[in-house]
All heavy atoms as atom14 arrays in JSON, in Angstrom:
{
  "sequence": "DENAQLDYPTFKKIAAEISTAIIVEYIKSEQNQYSLF",
  "atom14_mask": [
    [1, 1, 1, 1, 1, 1, 1, 1, 0, 0, 0, 0, 0, 0],
    [1, 1, 1, 1, 1, 1, 1, 1, 1, 0, 0, 0, 0, 0],
    [1, 1, 1, 1, 1, 1, 1, 1, 0, 0, 0, 0, 0, 0],
    [1, 1, 1, 1, 1, 0, 0, 0, 0, 0, 0, 0, 0, 0],
    [1, 1, 1, 1, 1, 1, 1, 1, 1, 0, 0, 0, 0, 0],
    [1, 1, 1, 1, 1, 1, 1, 1, 0, 0, 0, 0, 0, 0],
    [1, 1, 1, 1, 1, 1, 1, 1, 0, 0, 0, 0, 0, 0],
    [1, 1, 1, 1, 1, 1, 1, 1, 1, 1, 1, 1, 0, 0],
    [1, 1, 1, 1, 1, 1, 1, 0, 0, 0, 0, 0, 0, 0],
    [1, 1, 1, 1, 1, 1, 1, 0, 0, 0, 0, 0, 0, 0],
    [1, 1, 1, 1, 1, 1, 1, 1, 1, 1, 1, 0, 0, 0],
    [1, 1, 1, 1, 1, 1, 1, 1, 1, 0, 0, 0, 0, 0],
    [1, 1, 1, 1, 1, 1, 1, 1, 1, 0, 0, 0, 0, 0],
    [1, 1, 1, 1, 1, 1, 1, 1, 0, 0, 0, 0, 0, 0],
    [1, 1, 1, 1, 1, 0, 0, 0, 0, 0, 0, 0, 0, 0],
    [1, 1, 1, 1, 1, 0, 0, 0, 0, 0, 0, 0, 0, 0],
    [1, 1, 1, 1, 1, 1, 1, 1, 1, 0, 0, 0, 0, 0],
    [1, 1, 1, 1, 1, 1, 1, 1, 0, 0, 0, 0, 0, 0],
    [1, 1, 1, 1, 1, 1, 0, 0, 0, 0, 0, 0, 0, 0],
    [1, 1, 1, 1, 1, 1, 1, 0, 0, 0, 0, 0, 0, 0],
    [1, 1, 1, 1, 1, 0, 0, 0, 0, 0, 0, 0, 0, 0],
    [1, 1, 1, 1, 1, 1, 1, 1, 0, 0, 0, 0, 0, 0],
    [1, 1, 1, 1, 1, 1, 1, 1, 0, 0, 0, 0, 0, 0],
    [1, 1, 1, 1, 1, 1, 1, 0, 0, 0, 0, 0, 0, 0],
    [1, 1, 1, 1, 1, 1, 1, 1, 1, 0, 0, 0, 0, 0],
    [1, 1, 1, 1, 1, 1, 1, 1, 1, 1, 1, 1, 0, 0],
    [1, 1, 1, 1, 1, 1, 1, 1, 0, 0, 0, 0, 0, 0],
    [1, 1, 1, 1, 1, 1, 1, 1, 1, 0, 0, 0, 0, 0],
    [1, 1, 1, 1, 1, 1, 0, 0, 0, 0, 0, 0, 0, 0],
    [1, 1, 1, 1, 1, 1, 1, 1, 1, 0, 0, 0, 0, 0],
    [1, 1, 1, 1, 1, 1, 1, 1, 1, 0, 0, 0, 0, 0],
    [1, 1, 1, 1, 1, 1, 1, 1, 0, 0, 0, 0, 0, 0],
    [1, 1, 1, 1, 1, 1, 1, 1, 1, 0, 0, 0, 0, 0],
    [1, 1, 1, 1, 1, 1, 1, 1, 1, 1, 1, 1, 0, 0],
    [1, 1, 1, 1, 1, 1, 0, 0, 0, 0, 0, 0, 0, 0],
    [1, 1, 1, 1, 1, 1, 1, 1, 0, 0, 0, 0, 0, 0],
    [1, 1, 1, 1, 1, 1, 1, 1, 1, 1, 1, 0, 0, 0]
  ],
  "atom14_positions": [
    [[-8.93, 12.04, -14.69], [-9.63, 13.01, -15.53], [-9.49, 14.42, -14.96], [-8.6, 14.66, -14.13], [-11.11, 12.62, -15.67], [-11.78, 12.4, -14.31], [-11.26, 12.91, -13.29], [-12.82, 11.72, -14.28], [0.0, 0.0, 0.0], [0.0, 0.0, 0.0], [0.0, 0.0, 0.0], [0.0, 0.0, 0.0], [0.0, 0.0, 0.0], [0.0, 0.0, 0.0]],
    [[-10.36, 15.33, -15.37], [-10.25, 16.71, -14.9], [-10.49, 16.86, -13.41], [-10.13, 17.88, -12.82], [-11.23, 17.6, -15.69], [-10.73, 18.01, -17.07], [-10.78, 16.87, -18.09], [-11.39, 15.82, -17.78], [-10.21, 17.03, -19.19], [0.0, 0.0, 0.0], [0.0, 0.0, 0.0], [0.0, 0.0, 0.0], [0.0, 0.0, 0.0], [0.0, 0.0, 0.0]],
    [[-11.09, 15.86, -12.78], [-11.3, 15.89, -11.33], [-10.11, 15.36, -10.55], [-10.1, 15.39, -9.32], [-12.54, 15.07, -10.95], [-13.82, 15.67, -11.5], [-14.0, 16.89, -11.46], [-14.7, 14.82, -12.02], [0.0, 0.0, 0.0], [0.0, 0.0, 0.0], [0.0, 0.0, 0.0], [0.0, 0.0, 0.0], [0.0, 0.0, 0.0], [0.0, 0.0, 0.0]],
    [[-9.1, 14.85, -11.25], [-7.97, 14.2, -10.59], [-7.23, 15.13, -9.65], [-6.77, 14.72, -8.57], [-7.01, 13.64, -11.64], [0.0, 0.0, 0.0], [0.0, 0.0, 0.0], [0.0, 0.0, 0.0], [0.0, 0.0, 0.0], [0.0, 0.0, 0.0], [0.0, 0.0, 0.0], [0.0, 0.0, 0.0], [0.0, 0.0, 0.0], [0.0, 0.0, 0.0]],
    [[-7.1, 16.4, -10.03], [-6.36, 17.35, -9.18], [-7.04, 17.57, -7.85], [-6.39, 17.95, -6.86], [-6.17, 18.68, -9.92], [-5.25, 18.56, -11.13], [-5.03, 19.9, -11.82], [-5.27, 20.94, -11.25], [-4.55, 19.84, -13.05], [0.0, 0.0, 0.0], [0.0, 0.0, 0.0], [0.0, 0.0, 0.0], [0.0, 0.0, 0.0], [0.0, 0.0, 0.0]],
    [[-8.36, 17.34, -7.8], [-9.1, 17.45, -6.54], [-9.13, 16.11, -5.82], [-8.94, 16.04, -4.6], [-10.53, 17.93, -6.81], [-10.68, 19.33, -7.4], [-12.15, 19.61, -7.71], [-10.14, 20.39, -6.44], [0.0, 0.0, 0.0], [0.0, 0.0, 0.0], [0.0, 0.0, 0.0], [0.0, 0.0, 0.0], [0.0, 0.0, 0.0], [0.0, 0.0, 0.0]],
    [[-9.39, 15.03, -6.56], [-9.53, 13.71, -5.94], [-8.2, 13.19, -5.39], [-8.16, 12.58, -4.31], [-10.08, 12.7, -6.95], [-11.53, 12.99, -7.32], [-12.2, 13.69, -6.54], [-11.97, 12.51, -8.37], [0.0, 0.0, 0.0], [0.0, 0.0, 0.0], [0.0, 0.0, 0.0], [0.0, 0.0, 0.0], [0.0, 0.0, 0.0], [0.0, 0.0, 0.0]],
    [[-7.13, 13.4, -6.14], [-5.84, 12.83, -5.75], [-5.38, 13.27, -4.36], [-5.06, 12.42, -3.52], [-4.78, 13.17, -6.81], [-3.38, 12.73, -6.46], [-3.03, 11.39, -6.53], [-2.42, 13.66, -6.04], [-1.74, 10.98, -6.2], [-1.14, 13.25, -5.72], [-0.8, 11.92, -5.8], [0.47, 11.52, -5.48], [0.0, 0.0, 0.0], [0.0, 0.0, 0.0]],
    [[-5.35, 14.58, -4.03], [-4.94, 14.96, -2.68], [-5.88, 14.43, -1.6], [-5.45, 14.14, -0.48], [-4.98, 16.5, -2.72], [-4.91, 16.85, -4.15], [-5.62, 15.75, -4.88], [0.0, 0.0, 0.0], [0.0, 0.0, 0.0], [0.0, 0.0, 0.0], [0.0, 0.0, 0.0], [0.0, 0.0, 0.0], [0.0, 0.0, 0.0], [0.0, 0.0, 0.0]],
    [[-7.16, 14.28, -1.96], [-8.15, 13.82, -0.98], [-8.0, 12.34, -0.68], [-8.09, 11.91, 0.47], [-9.58, 14.09, -1.5], [-9.73, 15.49, -1.77], [-10.63, 13.65, -0.49], [0.0, 0.0, 0.0], [0.0, 0.0, 0.0], [0.0, 0.0, 0.0], [0.0, 0.0, 0.0], [0.0, 0.0, 0.0], [0.0, 0.0, 0.0], [0.0, 0.0, 0.0]],
    [[-7.78, 11.54, -1.72], [-7.84, 10.09, -1.57], [-6.48, 9.39, -1.58], [-6.43, 8.18, -1.31], [-8.72, 9.49, -2.67], [-10.17, 9.83, -2.54], [-10.76, 10.77, -3.38], [-10.96, 9.24, -1.57], [-12.1, 11.09, -3.27], [-12.3, 9.55, -1.44], [-12.87, 10.49, -2.29], [0.0, 0.0, 0.0], [0.0, 0.0, 0.0], [0.0, 0.0, 0.0]],
    [[-5.38, 10.11, -1.87], [-4.1, 9.41, -1.98], [-3.69, 8.74, -0.67], [-3.15, 7.63, -0.68], [-3.0, 10.32, -2.5], [-2.51, 11.37, -1.52], [-1.32, 12.14, -2.09], [-0.8, 13.16, -1.1], [0.36, 13.91, -1.63], [0.0, 0.0, 0.0], [0.0, 0.0, 0.0], [0.0, 0.0, 0.0], [0.0, 0.0, 0.0], [0.0, 0.0, 0.0]],
    [[-3.95, 9.39, 0.46], [-3.57, 8.81, 1.75], [-4.39, 7.55, 2.02], [-3.85, 6.53, 2.46], [-3.77, 9.82, 2.87], [-3.26, 9.33, 4.23], [-3.36, 10.44, 5.27], [-2.72, 10.01, 6.59], [-3.43, 8.86, 7.2], [0.0, 0.0, 0.0], [0.0, 0.0, 0.0], [0.0, 0.0, 0.0], [0.0, 0.0, 0.0], [0.0, 0.0, 0.0]],
    [[-5.69, 7.61, 1.75], [-6.55, 6.45, 1.96], [-6.12, 5.31, 1.04], [-6.0, 4.15, 1.47], [-8.02, 6.81, 1.69], [-8.5, 7.87, 2.68], [-8.92, 5.57, 1.76], [-9.86, 8.45, 2.37], [0.0, 0.0, 0.0], [0.0, 0.0, 0.0], [0.0, 0.0, 0.0], [0.0, 0.0, 0.0], [0.0, 0.0, 0.0], [0.0, 0.0, 0.0]],
    [[-5.87, 5.63, -0.23], [-5.45, 4.61, -1.18], [-4.12, 4.0, -0.78], [-3.92, 2.78, -0.87], [-5.37, 5.21, -2.59], [0.0, 0.0, 0.0], [0.0, 0.0, 0.0], [0.0, 0.0, 0.0], [0.0, 0.0, 0.0], [0.0, 0.0, 0.0], [0.0, 0.0, 0.0], [0.0, 0.0, 0.0], [0.0, 0.0, 0.0], [0.0, 0.0, 0.0]],
    [[-3.18, 4.84, -0.33], [-1.87, 4.34, 0.09], [-2.0, 3.43, 1.31], [-1.29, 2.42, 1.42], [-0.94, 5.51, 0.4], [0.0, 0.0, 0.0], [0.0, 0.0, 0.0], [0.0, 0.0, 0.0], [0.0, 0.0, 0.0], [0.0, 0.0, 0.0], [0.0, 0.0, 0.0], [0.0, 0.0, 0.0], [0.0, 0.0, 0.0], [0.0, 0.0, 0.0]],
    [[-2.89, 3.76, 2.21], [-3.11, 2.92, 3.39], [-3.63, 1.54, 3.0], [-3.28, 0.53, 3.62], [-4.09, 3.61, 4.35], [-3.49, 4.8, 5.08], [-4.53, 5.58, 5.86], [-5.75, 5.31, 5.7], [-4.14, 6.48, 6.63], [0.0, 0.0, 0.0], [0.0, 0.0, 0.0], [0.0, 0.0, 0.0], [0.0, 0.0, 0.0], [0.0, 0.0, 0.0]],
    [[-4.45, 1.49, 1.96], [-4.97, 0.21, 1.48], [-3.84, -0.65, 0.93], [-3.72, -1.83, 1.26], [-6.06, 0.44, 0.41], [-7.31, 1.06, 1.05], [-6.43, -0.89, -0.28], [-8.34, 1.51, 0.04], [0.0, 0.0, 0.0], [0.0, 0.0, 0.0], [0.0, 0.0, 0.0], [0.0, 0.0, 0.0], [0.0, 0.0, 0.0], [0.0, 0.0, 0.0]],
    [[-3.0, -0.08, 0.07], [-1.9, -0.85, -0.51], [-0.91, -1.29, 0.57], [-0.39, -2.4, 0.53], [-1.19, -0.06, -1.61], [-0.48, 1.04, -1.1], [0.0, 0.0, 0.0], [0.0, 0.0, 0.0], [0.0, 0.0, 0.0], [0.0, 0.0, 0.0], [0.0, 0.0, 0.0], [0.0, 0.0, 0.0], [0.0, 0.0, 0.0], [0.0, 0.0, 0.0]],
    [[-0.68, -0.41, 1.55], [0.22, -0.76, 2.66], [-0.33, -1.93, 3.46], [0.4, -2.88, 3.79], [0.43, 0.45, 3.58], [1.08, 1.49, 2.85], [1.29, 0.07, 4.78], [0.0, 0.0, 0.0], [0.0, 0.0, 0.0], [0.0, 0.0, 0.0], [0.0, 0.0, 0.0], [0.0, 0.0, 0.0], [0.0, 0.0, 0.0], [0.0, 0.0, 0.0]],
    [[-1.61, -1.88, 3.77], [-2.22, -2.95, 4.55], [-2.13, -4.29, 3.84], [-1.86, -5.33, 4.46], [-3.67, -2.6, 4.85], [0.0, 0.0, 0.0], [0.0, 0.0, 0.0], [0.0, 0.0, 0.0], [0.0, 0.0, 0.0], [0.0, 0.0, 0.0], [0.0, 0.0, 0.0], [0.0, 0.0, 0.0], [0.0, 0.0, 0.0], [0.0, 0.0, 0.0]],
    [[-2.32, -4.27, 2.53], [-2.26, -5.52, 1.76], [-0.85, -6.08, 1.74], [-0.64, -7.28, 1.93], [-2.78, -5.3, 0.33], [-4.27, -4.97, 0.36], [-2.54, -6.54, -0.54], [-4.81, -4.48, -0.96], [0.0, 0.0, 0.0], [0.0, 0.0, 0.0], [0.0, 0.0, 0.0], [0.0, 0.0, 0.0], [0.0, 0.0, 0.0], [0.0, 0.0, 0.0]],
    [[0.15, -5.22, 1.54], [1.52, -5.72, 1.47], [1.95, -6.26, 2.83], [2.66, -7.27, 2.91], [2.51, -4.64, 0.97], [3.86, -5.29, 0.58], [2.75, -3.56, 1.98], [3.8, -6.2, -0.59], [0.0, 0.0, 0.0], [0.0, 0.0, 0.0], [0.0, 0.0, 0.0], [0.0, 0.0, 0.0], [0.0, 0.0, 0.0], [0.0, 0.0, 0.0]],
    [[1.48, -5.66, 3.91], [1.82, -6.16, 5.24], [1.17, -7.52, 5.47], [1.8, -8.44, 6.02], [1.39, -5.15, 6.33], [1.51, -5.77, 7.72], [2.24, -3.89, 6.24], [0.0, 0.0, 0.0], [0.0, 0.0, 0.0], [0.0, 0.0, 0.0], [0.0, 0.0, 0.0], [0.0, 0.0, 0.0], [0.0, 0.0, 0.0], [0.0, 0.0, 0.0]],
    [[-0.08, -7.67, 5.05], [-0.75, -8.97, 5.17], [-0.04, -10.03, 4.33], [0.08, -11.18, 4.75], [-2.22, -8.85, 4.76], [-3.09, -8.11, 5.74], [-3.1, -8.75, 7.11], [-3.29, -9.98, 7.19], [-2.92, -8.03, 8.11], [0.0, 0.0, 0.0], [0.0, 0.0, 0.0], [0.0, 0.0, 0.0], [0.0, 0.0, 0.0], [0.0, 0.0, 0.0]],
    [[0.42, -9.62, 3.15], [1.16, -10.55, 2.31], [2.44, -11.01, 3.02], [2.77, -12.2, 3.03], [1.5, -9.9, 0.97], [2.54, -10.67, 0.19], [2.2, -11.8, -0.54], [3.88, -10.28, 0.22], [3.15, -12.52, -1.23], [4.85, -10.99, -0.47], [4.48, -12.11, -1.19], [5.44, -12.82, -1.86], [0.0, 0.0, 0.0], [0.0, 0.0, 0.0]],
    [[3.16, -10.06, 3.6], [4.4, -10.4, 4.29], [4.12, -11.34, 5.45], [4.86, -12.31, 5.68], [5.11, -9.13, 4.78], [5.62, -8.31, 3.58], [6.27, -9.47, 5.72], [6.13, -6.94, 3.94], [0.0, 0.0, 0.0], [0.0, 0.0, 0.0], [0.0, 0.0, 0.0], [0.0, 0.0, 0.0], [0.0, 0.0, 0.0], [0.0, 0.0, 0.0]],
    [[3.05, -11.1, 6.16], [2.69, -11.97, 7.29], [2.45, -13.4, 6.83], [2.7, -14.36, 7.57], [1.44, -11.44, 7.99], [1.66, -10.19, 8.82], [0.35, -9.74, 9.46], [0.55, -8.49, 10.31], [-0.71, -8.02, 10.91], [0.0, 0.0, 0.0], [0.0, 0.0, 0.0], [0.0, 0.0, 0.0], [0.0, 0.0, 0.0], [0.0, 0.0, 0.0]],
    [[1.94, -13.55, 5.61], [1.64, -14.89, 5.09], [2.88, -15.62, 4.6], [2.86, -16.83, 4.38], [0.62, -14.8, 3.95], [1.21, -14.24, 2.79], [0.0, 0.0, 0.0], [0.0, 0.0, 0.0], [0.0, 0.0, 0.0], [0.0, 0.0, 0.0], [0.0, 0.0, 0.0], [0.0, 0.0, 0.0], [0.0, 0.0, 0.0], [0.0, 0.0, 0.0]],
    [[3.96, -14.87, 4.39], [5.19, -15.48, 3.92], [5.92, -16.13, 5.1], [6.17, -15.5, 6.11], [6.1, -14.42, 3.29], [5.61, -13.91, 1.95], [5.82, -14.94, 0.85], [6.93, -15.02, 0.33], [4.85, -15.64, 0.53], [0.0, 0.0, 0.0], [0.0, 0.0, 0.0], [0.0, 0.0, 0.0], [0.0, 0.0, 0.0], [0.0, 0.0, 0.0]],
    [[6.3, -17.37, 4.92], [6.98, -18.1, 5.99], [8.46, -18.24, 5.74], [9.18, -18.83, 6.55], [6.34, -19.48, 6.15], [4.87, -19.45, 6.49], [4.59, -18.71, 7.78], [5.28, -18.93, 8.76], [3.58, -17.85, 7.77], [0.0, 0.0, 0.0], [0.0, 0.0, 0.0], [0.0, 0.0, 0.0], [0.0, 0.0, 0.0], [0.0, 0.0, 0.0]],
    [[8.94, -17.73, 4.61], [10.34, -17.91, 4.28], [11.23, -17.06, 5.17], [10.92, -15.95, 5.51], [10.59, -17.5, 2.82], [9.84, -18.4, 1.87], [9.65, -19.57, 2.14], [9.38, -17.84, 0.76], [0.0, 0.0, 0.0], [0.0, 0.0, 0.0], [0.0, 0.0, 0.0], [0.0, 0.0, 0.0], [0.0, 0.0, 0.0], [0.0, 0.0, 0.0]],
    [[12.34, -17.61, 5.54], [13.32, -16.94, 6.39], [14.61, -16.79, 5.62], [15.16, -17.76, 5.13], [13.57, -17.78, 7.65], [14.34, -17.11, 8.76], [13.52, -16.03, 9.45], [13.7, -14.88, 9.16], [12.65, -16.43, 10.37], [0.0, 0.0, 0.0], [0.0, 0.0, 0.0], [0.0, 0.0, 0.0], [0.0, 0.0, 0.0], [0.0, 0.0, 0.0]],
    [[15.09, -15.57, 5.44], [16.3, -15.33, 4.69], [17.33, -14.66, 5.6], [16.98, -14.0, 6.57], [16.04, -14.42, 3.48], [15.0, -14.92, 2.53], [13.72, -14.38, 2.55], [15.28, -15.93, 1.63], [12.75, -14.84, 1.66], [14.32, -16.39, 0.75], [13.05, -15.84, 0.77], [12.1, -16.29, -0.09], [0.0, 0.0, 0.0], [0.0, 0.0, 0.0]],
    [[18.59, -14.78, 5.22], [19.6, -13.98, 5.9], [19.54, -12.57, 5.37], [19.07, -12.32, 4.26], [21.01, -14.58, 5.63], [21.27, -14.57, 4.26], [0.0, 0.0, 0.0], [0.0, 0.0, 0.0], [0.0, 0.0, 0.0], [0.0, 0.0, 0.0], [0.0, 0.0, 0.0], [0.0, 0.0, 0.0], [0.0, 0.0, 0.0], [0.0, 0.0, 0.0]],
    [[20.01, -11.61, 6.16], [19.85, -10.2, 5.8], [20.64, -9.85, 4.55], [20.2, -9.08, 3.71], [20.31, -9.31, 6.96], [20.09, -7.81, 6.78], [18.63, -7.5, 6.48], [20.55, -7.05, 8.0], [0.0, 0.0, 0.0], [0.0, 0.0, 0.0], [0.0, 0.0, 0.0], [0.0, 0.0, 0.0], [0.0, 0.0, 0.0], [0.0, 0.0, 0.0]],
    [[21.8, -10.4, 4.37], [22.6, -10.07, 3.19], [23.06, -11.38, 2.54], [23.28, -12.37, 3.2], [23.81, -9.23, 3.54], [23.43, -7.89, 4.09], [23.55, -7.6, 5.44], [22.89, -6.91, 3.27], [23.19, -6.38, 5.96], [22.52, -5.68, 3.77], [22.67, -5.41, 5.12], [0.0, 0.0, 0.0], [0.0, 0.0, 0.0], [0.0, 0.0, 0.0]]
  ]
}
């Protein structure tokens, strides 16, 4: 909304850290082993 221009710079780093943490935890739970190529 109209507050987005203020909220986005403030919270984007925090929000990105949350998504990063979840994807890392997901990867940790994966046991599959693949070759690189």
